[in-house]
Amino acid sequence: MEMLVASAIGILTAAGIYLCLRGRTFPVVLGLAMLSYAINVFLFAMGRLVVDRPPIYEKGITDYTDPLPQALVLTAIVIAFGMTALVVVLSLRSFLETGTDQVDGKPDDEPEDIAP
């Protein structure tokens, strides 16, 4: 099971980095979302979650889970949502200003300057 979770984290991270390096804005937004998913799964895996145990300590209970990873992941989800919303608005504004969705802002048909 650990190998499956580690592979999923690796695949999400690799796909996120690949998409972040693309030339258009929409794949960059998807890449950032995949990276945030990979971080959330990593935090859950590091928290060693157990099933059927309460997350808060009470009298008479000997086994309980650590609530810190759950709180970290909830915070990461909120931050990732805000970050994604900001990047979408910035990319939409960039598209409306430049008329292209290229990350560098240059249109597709404009040749790049090549210095000899």
N, C-alpha and C. Protein backbone atom coordinates (compact mmCIF):
# COMPACT_ATOMS: atom_id res chain seq x y z
N MET A 1 0.82 -1.20 0.00
CA MET A 1 0.00 0.00 0.00
C MET A 1 0.86 1.26 0.00
N GLU A 2 1.98 1.21 0.72
CA GLU A 2 2.86 2.38 0.76
C GLU A 2 3.42 2.68 -0.63
N MET A 3 3.72 1.63 -1.38
CA MET A 3 4.25 1.81 -2.73
C MET A 3 3.21 2.48 -3.63
N LEU A 4 1.96 2.12 -3.46
CA LEU A 4 0.89 2.72 -4.27
C LEU A 4 0.74 4.22 -3.95
N VAL A 5 0.76 4.56 -2.67
CA VAL A 5 0.62 5.96 -2.28
C VAL A 5 1.85 6.75 -2.73
N ALA A 6 3.04 6.19 -2.56
CA ALA A 6 4.26 6.87 -2.99
C ALA A 6 4.27 7.05 -4.51
N SER A 7 3.80 6.07 -5.25
CA SER A 7 3.73 6.19 -6.71
C SER A 7 2.72 7.26 -7.13
N ALA A 8 1.58 7.31 -6.44
CA ALA A 8 0.58 8.33 -6.75
C ALA A 8 1.12 9.73 -6.49
N ILE A 9 1.84 9.89 -5.38
CA ILE A 9 2.44 11.20 -5.08
C ILE A 9 3.47 11.56 -6.15
N GLY A 10 4.30 10.61 -6.55
CA GLY A 10 5.30 10.86 -7.57
C GLY A 10 4.70 11.20 -8.92
N ILE A 11 3.65 10.49 -9.31
CA ILE A 11 2.99 10.75 -10.59
C ILE A 11 2.32 12.11 -10.59
N LEU A 12 1.62 12.46 -9.49
CA LEU A 12 0.99 13.77 -9.40
C LEU A 12 2.02 14.89 -9.44
N THR A 13 3.15 14.69 -8.75
CA THR A 13 4.19 15.71 -8.75
C THR A 13 4.81 15.85 -10.13
N ALA A 14 5.11 14.74 -10.78
CA ALA A 14 5.71 14.80 -12.12
C ALA A 14 4.76 15.45 -13.12
N ALA A 15 3.49 15.08 -13.08
CA ALA A 15 2.52 15.67 -13.99
C ALA A 15 2.34 17.16 -13.70
N GLY A 16 2.34 17.54 -12.43
CA GLY A 16 2.21 18.94 -12.07
C GLY A 16 3.38 19.77 -12.55
N ILE A 17 4.59 19.26 -12.39
CA ILE A 17 5.77 19.99 -12.85
C ILE A 17 5.78 20.08 -14.37
N TYR A 18 5.43 18.98 -15.05
CA TYR A 18 5.39 19.00 -16.51
C TYR A 18 4.39 20.05 -17.00
N LEU A 19 3.20 20.09 -16.40
CA LEU A 19 2.19 21.04 -16.85
C LEU A 19 2.57 22.48 -16.50
N CYS A 20 3.28 22.67 -15.39
CA CYS A 20 3.71 24.04 -15.03
C CYS A 20 4.74 24.58 -16.00
N LEU A 21 5.45 23.71 -16.70
CA LEU A 21 6.47 24.15 -17.64
C LEU A 21 5.94 24.33 -19.06
N ARG A 22 4.64 24.19 -19.25
CA ARG A 22 4.05 24.36 -20.58
C ARG A 22 3.98 25.83 -20.94
N GLY A 23 3.73 26.13 -22.21
CA GLY A 23 3.74 27.50 -22.69
C GLY A 23 2.42 28.24 -22.59
N ARG A 24 1.35 27.54 -22.30
CA ARG A 24 0.04 28.18 -22.22
C ARG A 24 -0.40 28.28 -20.75
N THR A 25 -1.36 29.16 -20.48
CA THR A 25 -1.72 29.41 -19.09
C THR A 25 -2.62 28.33 -18.50
N PHE A 26 -3.51 27.74 -19.27
CA PHE A 26 -4.41 26.73 -18.70
C PHE A 26 -3.66 25.50 -18.19
N PRO A 27 -2.70 24.94 -18.92
CA PRO A 27 -1.92 23.83 -18.35
C PRO A 27 -1.14 24.23 -17.10
N VAL A 28 -0.71 25.47 -17.03
CA VAL A 28 0.00 25.92 -15.82
C VAL A 28 -0.94 25.91 -14.62
N VAL A 29 -2.17 26.34 -14.81
CA VAL A 29 -3.15 26.31 -13.72
C VAL A 29 -3.43 24.87 -13.30
N LEU A 30 -3.59 23.97 -14.27
CA LEU A 30 -3.80 22.56 -13.93
C LEU A 30 -2.58 21.96 -13.23
N GLY A 31 -1.39 22.35 -13.64
CA GLY A 31 -0.17 21.86 -13.00
C GLY A 31 -0.08 22.31 -11.56
N LEU A 32 -0.43 23.55 -11.28
CA LEU A 32 -0.43 24.02 -9.90
C LEU A 32 -1.46 23.28 -9.06
N ALA A 33 -2.61 22.97 -9.63
CA ALA A 33 -3.62 22.20 -8.90
C ALA A 33 -3.12 20.78 -8.62
N MET A 34 -2.46 20.16 -9.59
CA MET A 34 -1.92 18.81 -9.36
C MET A 34 -0.82 18.82 -8.30
N LEU A 35 0.01 19.85 -8.31
CA LEU A 35 1.03 19.95 -7.26
C LEU A 35 0.40 20.11 -5.88
N SER A 36 -0.68 20.86 -5.79
CA SER A 36 -1.33 21.00 -4.49
C SER A 36 -1.98 19.68 -4.06
N TYR A 37 -2.52 18.90 -5.01
CA TYR A 37 -3.06 17.59 -4.67
C TYR A 37 -1.96 16.66 -4.17
N ALA A 38 -0.80 16.72 -4.83
CA ALA A 38 0.32 15.88 -4.41
C ALA A 38 0.78 16.24 -3.00
N ILE A 39 0.80 17.52 -2.69
CA ILE A 39 1.19 17.94 -1.34
C ILE A 39 0.18 17.47 -0.31
N ASN A 40 -1.11 17.54 -0.64
CA ASN A 40 -2.13 17.08 0.30
C ASN A 40 -2.02 15.58 0.56
N VAL A 41 -1.81 14.79 -0.48
CA VAL A 41 -1.66 13.34 -0.29
C VAL A 41 -0.39 13.05 0.50
N PHE A 42 0.67 13.81 0.25
CA PHE A 42 1.91 13.63 1.00
C PHE A 42 1.70 13.93 2.48
N LEU A 43 0.98 15.00 2.80
CA LEU A 43 0.71 15.32 4.20
C LEU A 43 -0.12 14.24 4.87
N PHE A 44 -1.11 13.71 4.15
CA PHE A 44 -1.90 12.62 4.72
C PHE A 44 -1.04 11.38 4.95
N ALA A 45 -0.19 11.07 4.01
CA ALA A 45 0.66 9.88 4.15
C ALA A 45 1.64 10.04 5.30
N MET A 46 2.16 11.24 5.49
CA MET A 46 3.11 11.47 6.58
C MET A 46 2.42 11.44 7.94
N GLY A 47 1.10 11.66 7.97
CA GLY A 47 0.38 11.68 9.24
C GLY A 47 0.04 10.32 9.80
N ARG A 48 0.29 9.25 9.03
CA ARG A 48 0.00 7.89 9.46
C ARG A 48 -1.42 7.77 10.03
N LEU A 49 -2.39 8.06 9.18
CA LEU A 49 -3.78 8.03 9.63
C LEU A 49 -4.22 6.60 9.90
N VAL A 50 -5.03 6.45 10.93
CA VAL A 50 -5.59 5.15 11.28
C VAL A 50 -7.10 5.24 11.21
N VAL A 51 -7.75 4.10 11.03
CA VAL A 51 -9.19 4.05 10.84
C VAL A 51 -9.86 3.69 12.17
N ASP A 52 -11.06 4.23 12.38
CA ASP A 52 -11.91 3.94 13.53
C ASP A 52 -11.29 4.36 14.86
N ARG A 53 -10.60 5.46 14.88
CA ARG A 53 -10.10 6.02 16.13
C ARG A 53 -10.46 7.50 16.17
N PRO A 54 -10.83 8.01 17.34
CA PRO A 54 -11.22 9.42 17.42
C PRO A 54 -10.01 10.34 17.26
N PRO A 55 -10.20 11.53 16.65
CA PRO A 55 -9.07 12.44 16.46
C PRO A 55 -8.75 13.30 17.68
N ILE A 56 -9.61 13.24 18.70
CA ILE A 56 -9.41 14.08 19.89
C ILE A 56 -9.30 13.18 21.12
N TYR A 57 -8.39 13.54 21.99
CA TYR A 57 -8.16 12.77 23.21
C TYR A 57 -9.31 12.97 24.19
N GLU A 58 -9.81 11.88 24.74
CA GLU A 58 -10.86 11.89 25.77
C GLU A 58 -10.45 10.96 26.90
N LYS A 59 -11.07 11.13 28.06
CA LYS A 59 -10.78 10.24 29.18
C LYS A 59 -11.25 8.83 28.85
N GLY A 60 -10.43 7.87 29.20
CA GLY A 60 -10.79 6.48 28.99
C GLY A 60 -10.41 5.93 27.63
N ILE A 61 -9.98 6.76 26.72
CA ILE A 61 -9.58 6.30 25.38
C ILE A 61 -8.06 6.20 25.35
N THR A 62 -7.57 5.03 24.97
CA THR A 62 -6.13 4.83 24.94
C THR A 62 -5.53 5.09 23.56
N ASP A 63 -6.31 4.84 22.50
CA ASP A 63 -5.80 5.03 21.15
C ASP A 63 -6.57 6.14 20.45
N TYR A 64 -5.85 7.09 19.90
CA TYR A 64 -6.47 8.16 19.14
C TYR A 64 -5.52 8.58 18.03
N THR A 65 -6.06 9.25 17.04
CA THR A 65 -5.24 9.69 15.91
C THR A 65 -4.72 11.10 16.16
N ASP A 66 -3.70 11.45 15.43
CA ASP A 66 -3.14 12.79 15.52
C ASP A 66 -3.96 13.73 14.65
N PRO A 67 -4.58 14.78 15.21
CA PRO A 67 -5.40 15.67 14.40
C PRO A 67 -4.59 16.68 13.58
N LEU A 68 -3.29 16.78 13.82
CA LEU A 68 -2.49 17.78 13.13
C LEU A 68 -2.45 17.59 11.61
N PRO A 69 -2.22 16.37 11.08
CA PRO A 69 -2.22 16.23 9.61
C PRO A 69 -3.55 16.61 8.97
N GLN A 70 -4.65 16.31 9.64
CA GLN A 70 -5.95 16.67 9.10
C GLN A 70 -6.11 18.19 9.05
N ALA A 71 -5.66 18.87 10.10
CA ALA A 71 -5.74 20.32 10.12
C ALA A 71 -4.82 20.93 9.06
N LEU A 72 -3.65 20.36 8.87
CA LEU A 72 -2.73 20.86 7.85
C LEU A 72 -3.30 20.71 6.45
N VAL A 73 -3.93 19.57 6.19
CA VAL A 73 -4.50 19.34 4.86
C VAL A 73 -5.69 20.25 4.62
N LEU A 74 -6.53 20.47 5.63
CA LEU A 74 -7.65 21.40 5.45
C LEU A 74 -7.15 22.81 5.16
N THR A 75 -6.11 23.22 5.86
CA THR A 75 -5.53 24.54 5.61
C THR A 75 -4.92 24.59 4.21
N ALA A 76 -4.25 23.53 3.79
CA ALA A 76 -3.64 23.49 2.46
C ALA A 76 -4.70 23.52 1.36
N ILE A 77 -5.83 22.90 1.59
CA ILE A 77 -6.91 22.92 0.60
C ILE A 77 -7.44 24.34 0.42
N VAL A 78 -7.64 25.05 1.52
CA VAL A 78 -8.15 26.42 1.44
C VAL A 78 -7.13 27.33 0.75
N ILE A 79 -5.87 27.20 1.10
CA ILE A 79 -4.83 28.02 0.47
C ILE A 79 -4.72 27.70 -1.01
N ALA A 80 -4.78 26.42 -1.38
CA ALA A 80 -4.69 26.03 -2.79
C ALA A 80 -5.88 26.56 -3.58
N PHE A 81 -7.06 26.56 -2.98
CA PHE A 81 -8.24 27.10 -3.67
C PHE A 81 -8.07 28.59 -3.93
N GLY A 82 -7.61 29.32 -2.93
CA GLY A 82 -7.38 30.75 -3.11
C GLY A 82 -6.31 31.03 -4.14
N MET A 83 -5.24 30.24 -4.10
CA MET A 83 -4.15 30.41 -5.07
C MET A 83 -4.63 30.11 -6.49
N THR A 84 -5.42 29.07 -6.65
CA THR A 84 -5.93 28.71 -7.97
C THR A 84 -6.86 29.81 -8.50
N ALA A 85 -7.71 30.34 -7.63
CA ALA A 85 -8.60 31.42 -8.06
C ALA A 85 -7.80 32.64 -8.49
N LEU A 86 -6.75 32.97 -7.75
CA LEU A 86 -5.92 34.12 -8.12
C LEU A 86 -5.22 33.89 -9.46
N VAL A 87 -4.68 32.70 -9.67
CA VAL A 87 -3.97 32.42 -10.92
C VAL A 87 -4.94 32.42 -12.11
N VAL A 88 -6.15 31.93 -11.92
CA VAL A 88 -7.14 31.95 -13.00
C VAL A 88 -7.50 33.39 -13.36
N VAL A 89 -7.70 34.24 -12.36
CA VAL A 89 -8.03 35.64 -12.63
C VAL A 89 -6.86 36.34 -13.30
N LEU A 90 -5.63 36.07 -12.85
CA LEU A 90 -4.47 36.69 -13.49
C LEU A 90 -4.29 36.23 -14.93
N SER A 91 -4.52 34.95 -15.18
CA SER A 91 -4.38 34.46 -16.55
C SER A 91 -5.49 35.00 -17.45
N LEU A 92 -6.69 35.13 -16.92
CA LEU A 92 -7.78 35.72 -17.71
C LEU A 92 -7.49 37.18 -18.02
N ARG A 93 -6.98 37.91 -17.04
CA ARG A 93 -6.63 39.32 -17.28
C ARG A 93 -5.50 39.43 -18.31
N SER A 94 -4.52 38.54 -18.21
CA SER A 94 -3.43 38.54 -19.18
C SER A 94 -3.94 38.24 -20.58
N PHE A 95 -4.87 37.31 -20.69
CA PHE A 95 -5.45 37.00 -22.00
C PHE A 95 -6.21 38.19 -22.56
N LEU A 96 -6.97 38.87 -21.71
CA LEU A 96 -7.74 40.02 -22.19
C LEU A 96 -6.84 41.19 -22.56
N GLU A 97 -5.70 41.33 -21.90
CA GLU A 97 -4.78 42.44 -22.20
C GLU A 97 -3.95 42.17 -23.45
N THR A 98 -3.45 40.94 -23.60
CA THR A 98 -2.53 40.64 -24.69
C THR A 98 -3.20 39.97 -25.88
N GLY A 99 -4.33 39.32 -25.67
CA GLY A 99 -5.01 38.63 -26.76
C GLY A 99 -4.46 37.23 -27.02
N THR A 100 -3.57 36.74 -26.17
CA THR A 100 -3.02 35.39 -26.32
C THR A 100 -2.94 34.74 -24.94
N ASP A 101 -2.93 33.42 -24.96
CA ASP A 101 -2.81 32.73 -23.67
C ASP A 101 -1.42 32.15 -23.45
N GLN A 102 -0.46 32.65 -24.21
CA GLN A 102 0.93 32.25 -23.99
C GLN A 102 1.42 32.84 -22.67
N VAL A 103 2.28 32.10 -21.98
CA VAL A 103 2.78 32.55 -20.70
C VAL A 103 3.65 33.79 -20.84
N ASP A 104 4.43 33.87 -21.92
CA ASP A 104 5.31 35.02 -22.11
C ASP A 104 4.58 36.23 -22.68
N GLY A 105 3.33 36.08 -23.11
CA GLY A 105 2.55 37.20 -23.61
C GLY A 105 2.71 37.49 -25.08
N LYS A 106 3.57 36.75 -25.77
CA LYS A 106 3.77 36.97 -27.20
C LYS A 106 2.75 36.15 -27.99
N PRO A 107 2.21 36.72 -29.07
CA PRO A 107 1.28 35.95 -29.90
C PRO A 107 1.97 34.77 -30.57
N ASP A 108 1.19 33.80 -31.02
CA ASP A 108 1.74 32.60 -31.65
C ASP A 108 2.47 32.90 -32.95
N ASP A 109 1.97 33.86 -33.73
CA ASP A 109 2.55 34.11 -35.04
C ASP A 109 3.74 35.08 -35.00
N GLU A 110 4.02 35.66 -33.84
CA GLU A 110 5.16 36.59 -33.74
C GLU A 110 6.46 35.82 -33.55
N PRO A 111 7.45 36.03 -34.45
CA PRO A 111 8.71 35.30 -34.29
C PRO A 111 9.51 35.87 -33.13
N GLU A 112 10.29 35.00 -32.49
CA GLU A 112 11.11 35.42 -31.36
C GLU A 112 12.38 36.07 -31.88
N ASP A 113 12.93 37.01 -31.11
CA ASP A 113 14.17 37.66 -31.48
C ASP A 113 15.32 36.71 -31.24
N ILE A 114 16.11 36.48 -32.31
CA ILE A 114 17.27 35.61 -32.20
C ILE A 114 18.50 36.46 -32.50
N ALA A 115 19.32 36.63 -31.48
CA ALA A 115 20.53 37.44 -31.65
C ALA A 115 21.64 36.57 -32.22
N PRO A 116 22.43 37.12 -33.16
CA PRO A 116 23.51 36.32 -33.75
C PRO A 116 24.67 36.16 -32.80
